[in-house]
């Protein structure tokens, strides 16, 4: 069961006060653990809690259209576009 949810902008610079607030919110919610992505885990300094912090590795796999996306990316790279 999901006990809570917080969303932040991509590349969000978590401060110590925000990490503390997240930890306290998770502990008060009755959660058994906190979960974050590997990308954000390195941005969460000082996670010291009775709750474990589980880290998800997220990957992308195309189930259709991979060849077309590859062609578009190669085209952009050839033109020197980001």
C-alpha atoms as a PDB file:
ATOM      1  CA  UNK A   1       0.000   0.000   0.000  1.00  0.00           C
ATOM      2  CA  UNK A   2       1.240   3.477  -0.864  1.00  0.00           C
ATOM      3  CA  UNK A   3       1.416   5.656   2.264  1.00  0.00           C
ATOM      4  CA  UNK A   4       2.397   8.928   0.584  1.00  0.00           C
ATOM      5  CA  UNK A   5       3.812  10.601  -2.478  1.00  0.00           C
ATOM      6  CA  UNK A   6       5.969  13.646  -3.187  1.00  0.00           C
ATOM      7  CA  UNK A   7       7.055  14.913  -6.572  1.00  0.00           C
ATOM      8  CA  UNK A   8       9.931  17.255  -7.386  1.00  0.00           C
ATOM      9  CA  UNK A   9      11.274  18.826 -10.566  1.00  0.00           C
ATOM     10  CA  UNK A  10      13.962  16.993 -12.508  1.00  0.00           C
ATOM     11  CA  UNK A  11      17.477  17.611 -11.100  1.00  0.00           C
ATOM     12  CA  UNK A  12      15.945  19.095  -7.955  1.00  0.00           C
ATOM     13  CA  UNK A  13      18.621  20.201  -5.446  1.00  0.00           C
ATOM     14  CA  UNK A  14      17.329  18.677  -2.186  1.00  0.00           C
ATOM     15  CA  UNK A  15      18.478  20.569   0.879  1.00  0.00           C
ATOM     16  CA  UNK A  16      19.020  19.116   4.344  1.00  0.00           C
ATOM     17  CA  UNK A  17      15.746  20.631   5.618  1.00  0.00           C
ATOM     18  CA  UNK A  18      13.786  19.037   2.761  1.00  0.00           C
ATOM     19  CA  UNK A  19      15.384  15.647   3.323  1.00  0.00           C
ATOM     20  CA  UNK A  20      14.518  15.928   7.015  1.00  0.00           C
ATOM     21  CA  UNK A  21      10.900  16.863   6.165  1.00  0.00           C
ATOM     22  CA  UNK A  22      10.616  13.923   3.733  1.00  0.00           C
ATOM     23  CA  UNK A  23      12.009  11.545   6.334  1.00  0.00           C
ATOM     24  CA  UNK A  24       9.630  12.826   9.028  1.00  0.00           C
ATOM     25  CA  UNK A  25       6.652  12.628   6.668  1.00  0.00           C
ATOM     26  CA  UNK A  26       7.527   9.041   5.765  1.00  0.00           C
ATOM     27  CA  UNK A  27       7.976   8.033   9.403  1.00  0.00           C
ATOM     28  CA  UNK A  28       4.675   9.629  10.484  1.00  0.00           C
ATOM     29  CA  UNK A  29       2.750   8.065   7.597  1.00  0.00           C
ATOM     30  CA  UNK A  30       3.256   4.542   8.883  1.00  0.00           C
ATOM     31  CA  UNK A  31       5.269   3.574   5.813  1.00  0.00           C
ATOM     32  CA  UNK A  32       7.501   0.520   5.985  1.00  0.00           C
ATOM     33  CA  UNK A  33      10.110   2.136   3.699  1.00  0.00           C
ATOM     34  CA  UNK A  34      10.797   5.107   1.456  1.00  0.00           C
ATOM     35  CA  UNK A  35      11.446   4.673  -2.265  1.00  0.00           C
ATOM     36  CA  UNK A  36      13.318   6.876  -4.728  1.00  0.00           C
ATOM     37  CA  UNK A  37      15.099   6.566  -8.055  1.00  0.00           C
ATOM     38  CA  UNK A  38      18.841   5.949  -8.267  1.00  0.00           C
ATOM     39  CA  UNK A  39      19.165   9.348  -9.926  1.00  0.00           C
ATOM     40  CA  UNK A  40      17.588  11.090  -6.934  1.00  0.00           C
ATOM     41  CA  UNK A  41      19.150   8.872  -4.262  1.00  0.00           C
ATOM     42  CA  UNK A  42      22.532  10.500  -4.829  1.00  0.00           C
ATOM     43  CA  UNK A  43      20.844  13.882  -4.261  1.00  0.00           C
ATOM     44  CA  UNK A  44      19.351  12.909  -0.875  1.00  0.00           C
ATOM     45  CA  UNK A  45      22.123  13.690   1.600  1.00  0.00           C
ATOM     46  CA  UNK A  46      21.847  12.398   5.128  1.00  0.00           C
ATOM     47  CA  UNK A  47      18.961   9.932   4.931  1.00  0.00           C
ATOM     48  CA  UNK A  48      19.147   8.652   8.485  1.00  0.00           C
ATOM     49  CA  UNK A  49      15.901   7.010   9.451  1.00  0.00           C
ATOM     50  CA  UNK A  50      14.434   3.886  10.989  1.00  0.00           C
ATOM     51  CA  UNK A  51      12.898   3.444   7.516  1.00  0.00           C
ATOM     52  CA  UNK A  52      15.057   1.946   4.809  1.00  0.00           C
ATOM     53  CA  UNK A  53      15.455   3.980   1.621  1.00  0.00           C
ATOM     54  CA  UNK A  54      14.896   1.655  -1.343  1.00  0.00           C
ATOM     55  CA  UNK A  55      16.447   2.757  -4.622  1.00  0.00           C
ATOM     56  CA  UNK A  56      14.896   1.947  -8.001  1.00  0.00           C
ATOM     57  CA  UNK A  57      16.993   1.699 -11.141  1.00  0.00           C
ATOM     58  CA  UNK A  58      14.862   3.075 -13.949  1.00  0.00           C
ATOM     59  CA  UNK A  59      15.536   2.251 -17.593  1.00  0.00           C
ATOM     60  CA  UNK A  60      13.830   2.889 -20.895  1.00  0.00           C
ATOM     61  CA  UNK A  61      13.063   0.214 -23.445  1.00  0.00           C
ATOM     62  CA  UNK A  62      11.144   0.867 -26.625  1.00  0.00           C
ATOM     63  CA  UNK A  63       8.557  -1.767 -27.441  1.00  0.00           C
ATOM     64  CA  UNK A  64       7.817  -0.178 -30.813  1.00  0.00           C
ATOM     65  CA  UNK A  65       9.403   2.527 -32.945  1.00  0.00           C
ATOM     66  CA  UNK A  66      12.965   2.139 -31.662  1.00  0.00           C
ATOM     67  CA  UNK A  67      14.399   2.240 -35.182  1.00  0.00           C
ATOM     68  CA  UNK A  68      12.567   5.488 -35.997  1.00  0.00           C
ATOM     69  CA  UNK A  69      13.691   7.133 -32.762  1.00  0.00           C
ATOM     70  CA  UNK A  70      17.273   6.053 -33.489  1.00  0.00           C
ATOM     71  CA  UNK A  71      17.066   7.602 -36.965  1.00  0.00           C
ATOM     72  CA  UNK A  72      15.752  10.882 -35.527  1.00  0.00           C
ATOM     73  CA  UNK A  73      18.469  11.020 -32.864  1.00  0.00           C
ATOM     74  CA  UNK A  74      21.179  10.251 -35.415  1.00  0.00           C
ATOM     75  CA  UNK A  75      19.802  12.987 -37.666  1.00  0.00           C
ATOM     76  CA  UNK A  76      19.894  15.521 -34.834  1.00  0.00           C
ATOM     77  CA  UNK A  77      23.425  14.481 -33.860  1.00  0.00           C
ATOM     78  CA  UNK A  78      24.599  14.823 -37.483  1.00  0.00           C
ATOM     79  CA  UNK A  79      23.269  18.411 -37.551  1.00  0.00           C
ATOM     80  CA  UNK A  80      24.993  19.170 -34.250  1.00  0.00           C
ATOM     81  CA  UNK A  81      21.765  19.844 -32.366  1.00  0.00           C
ATOM     82  CA  UNK A  82      21.451  19.022 -28.665  1.00  0.00           C
END
